[in-house]
Amino acid sequence: MKTTLKTFWIISLSCNVIFLLLQIVITIPLVLYKNVLSLSNSDLSQIFFGILIVIILTMFISNWIIVRNPLRKLSKTKELTPWQADLGFNIITKYSHLQTEYEGYTWYLKKKGFILLTTLGINFSYALIAAVIFSILG
């Protein structure tokens, strides 16, 4: 079934909130038991920079799979499948500045990419702030 931008937004946001909660759940025990685990602040900073690298890789890979790869395939063929044309038509009926189904579908893919990067930005900012704080403290 075709996903709309609203359902994609909800799915992406809920997945990223779960991942953010997972980061917080990792942070709390690490900070509370850093003496027991013999961790310094610089070790904690390195852990969060590692999480940051995972988030950046996730951003690039998911953006490639969800947005760039379909756009690349679409730019080669310039033909839409029936469900893509239907989705593009629904988009151009809502936004008058778009002229064709092709433009509507590419706008839809770009909007999905924006939603994806925005929601992943929540996790990115948390990991970056935590890594910088522990780096400064270390």
Protein backbone atom coordinates (compact mmCIF):
# COMPACT_ATOMS: atom_id res chain seq x y z
CA MET A 1 0.00 0.00 0.00
CA LYS A 2 1.16 3.50 -0.75
CA THR A 3 2.40 5.47 2.19
CA THR A 4 1.44 9.09 2.46
CA LEU A 5 3.70 11.77 3.82
CA LYS A 6 1.74 11.86 7.06
CA THR A 7 2.16 8.15 7.76
CA PHE A 8 5.80 8.32 6.69
CA TRP A 9 6.28 11.24 9.09
CA ILE A 10 4.66 9.29 11.93
CA ILE A 11 6.68 6.13 11.24
CA SER A 12 9.96 8.03 10.90
CA LEU A 13 9.34 10.14 13.98
CA SER A 14 8.31 7.19 16.14
CA CYS A 15 11.36 5.14 15.06
CA ASN A 16 13.66 8.05 15.81
CA VAL A 17 12.03 8.71 19.18
CA ILE A 18 12.56 5.05 20.07
CA PHE A 19 16.21 5.36 19.01
CA LEU A 20 16.54 8.57 21.04
CA LEU A 21 15.12 6.84 24.10
CA LEU A 22 17.59 4.01 23.50
CA GLN A 23 20.42 6.57 23.49
CA ILE A 24 19.14 8.04 26.75
CA VAL A 25 18.87 4.56 28.26
CA ILE A 26 22.50 3.95 27.25
CA THR A 27 23.63 7.34 28.57
CA ILE A 28 22.18 7.05 32.07
CA PRO A 29 23.91 3.79 33.11
CA LEU A 30 27.17 4.87 31.50
CA VAL A 31 27.20 8.13 33.45
CA LEU A 32 26.04 6.56 36.71
CA TYR A 33 28.43 3.60 36.60
CA LYS A 34 31.41 5.16 34.83
CA ASN A 35 33.59 4.75 37.92
CA VAL A 36 32.59 1.11 38.33
CA LEU A 37 33.25 0.48 34.63
CA SER A 38 36.52 2.46 34.81
CA LEU A 39 35.41 4.88 32.11
CA SER A 40 36.69 8.43 31.79
CA ASN A 41 34.78 11.31 30.25
CA SER A 42 36.88 10.97 27.12
CA ASP A 43 35.80 7.31 26.84
CA LEU A 44 32.18 8.40 27.08
CA SER A 45 32.84 11.05 24.45
CA GLN A 46 34.28 8.41 22.13
CA ILE A 47 31.22 6.22 22.67
CA PHE A 48 28.93 9.08 21.67
CA PHE A 49 31.08 9.99 18.69
CA GLY A 50 30.69 6.32 17.66
CA ILE A 51 26.93 6.62 18.00
CA LEU A 52 27.14 9.83 15.98
CA ILE A 53 28.96 8.01 13.18
CA VAL A 54 26.26 5.31 13.18
CA ILE A 55 23.57 8.00 12.93
CA ILE A 56 25.36 9.73 10.04
CA LEU A 57 25.73 6.42 8.19
CA THR A 58 22.06 5.70 8.82
CA MET A 59 21.17 9.12 7.40
CA PHE A 60 23.12 8.55 4.21
CA ILE A 61 22.04 4.95 3.67
CA SER A 62 18.34 5.53 4.38
CA ASN A 63 18.32 8.69 2.25
CA TRP A 64 19.93 6.73 -0.57
CA ILE A 65 17.46 3.84 -0.32
CA ILE A 66 14.30 5.90 0.19
CA VAL A 67 14.98 9.00 -1.93
CA ARG A 68 18.07 9.05 -4.13
CA ASN A 69 17.91 5.57 -5.63
CA PRO A 70 14.26 5.92 -6.78
CA LEU A 71 15.05 9.40 -8.14
CA ARG A 72 18.06 8.04 -10.04
CA LYS A 73 16.03 5.21 -11.53
CA LEU A 74 13.24 7.64 -12.38
CA SER A 75 15.58 10.08 -14.11
CA LYS A 76 16.81 7.29 -16.40
CA THR A 77 13.40 6.04 -17.50
CA LYS A 78 11.31 9.24 -17.14
CA GLU A 79 8.29 6.93 -16.90
CA LEU A 80 6.17 6.40 -13.83
CA THR A 81 4.54 3.17 -12.80
CA PRO A 82 0.76 3.38 -12.36
CA TRP A 83 0.91 3.81 -8.57
CA GLN A 84 3.66 6.46 -8.92
CA ALA A 85 1.58 8.35 -11.49
CA ASP A 86 -1.46 8.12 -9.21
CA LEU A 87 0.53 9.45 -6.28
CA GLY A 88 2.02 12.21 -8.46
CA PHE A 89 -1.48 13.16 -9.62
CA ASN A 90 -2.72 13.36 -6.03
CA ILE A 91 0.22 15.64 -5.21
CA ILE A 92 -0.33 18.00 -8.17
CA THR A 93 -4.01 18.37 -7.28
CA LYS A 94 -2.97 19.67 -3.85
CA TYR A 95 -0.09 21.88 -5.01
CA SER A 96 -0.83 24.01 -8.03
CA HIS A 97 2.79 24.98 -8.75
CA LEU A 98 3.50 21.41 -9.89
CA GLN A 99 2.58 20.71 -13.51
CA THR A 100 2.94 16.97 -14.22
CA GLU A 101 2.65 13.69 -12.35
CA TYR A 102 6.40 13.29 -12.73
CA GLU A 103 7.03 16.59 -10.91
CA GLY A 104 4.49 15.62 -8.25
CA TYR A 105 6.16 12.28 -7.58
CA THR A 106 9.68 13.75 -7.47
CA TRP A 107 8.40 16.44 -5.08
CA TYR A 108 6.94 13.65 -2.93
CA LEU A 109 10.29 11.80 -2.83
CA LYS A 110 12.18 14.98 -1.95
CA LYS A 111 9.69 15.74 0.81
CA LYS A 112 10.19 12.21 2.19
CA GLY A 113 13.94 12.85 2.23
CA PHE A 114 13.41 16.10 4.12
CA ILE A 115 11.22 14.36 6.69
CA LEU A 116 13.79 11.59 7.09
CA LEU A 117 16.70 13.97 7.62
CA THR A 118 14.68 16.17 9.98
CA THR A 119 13.67 13.32 12.24
CA LEU A 120 17.17 11.82 12.20
CA GLY A 121 18.44 15.27 13.15
CA ILE A 122 16.91 14.78 16.60
CA ASN A 123 19.21 11.82 17.27
CA PHE A 124 22.12 13.54 15.58
CA SER A 125 21.86 16.60 17.81
CA TYR A 126 21.54 14.54 21.01
CA ALA A 127 24.59 12.42 20.19
CA LEU A 128 26.60 15.49 19.13
CA ILE A 129 25.72 17.44 22.29
CA ALA A 130 26.51 14.46 24.53
CA ALA A 131 29.82 13.81 22.76
CA VAL A 132 30.88 17.46 22.99
CA ILE A 133 29.90 17.72 26.67
CA PHE A 134 31.89 14.63 27.61
CA SER A 135 34.77 15.81 25.43
CA ILE A 136 34.85 19.15 27.27
CA LEU A 137 34.59 17.45 30.65
CA GLY A 138 37.28 14.92 29.73
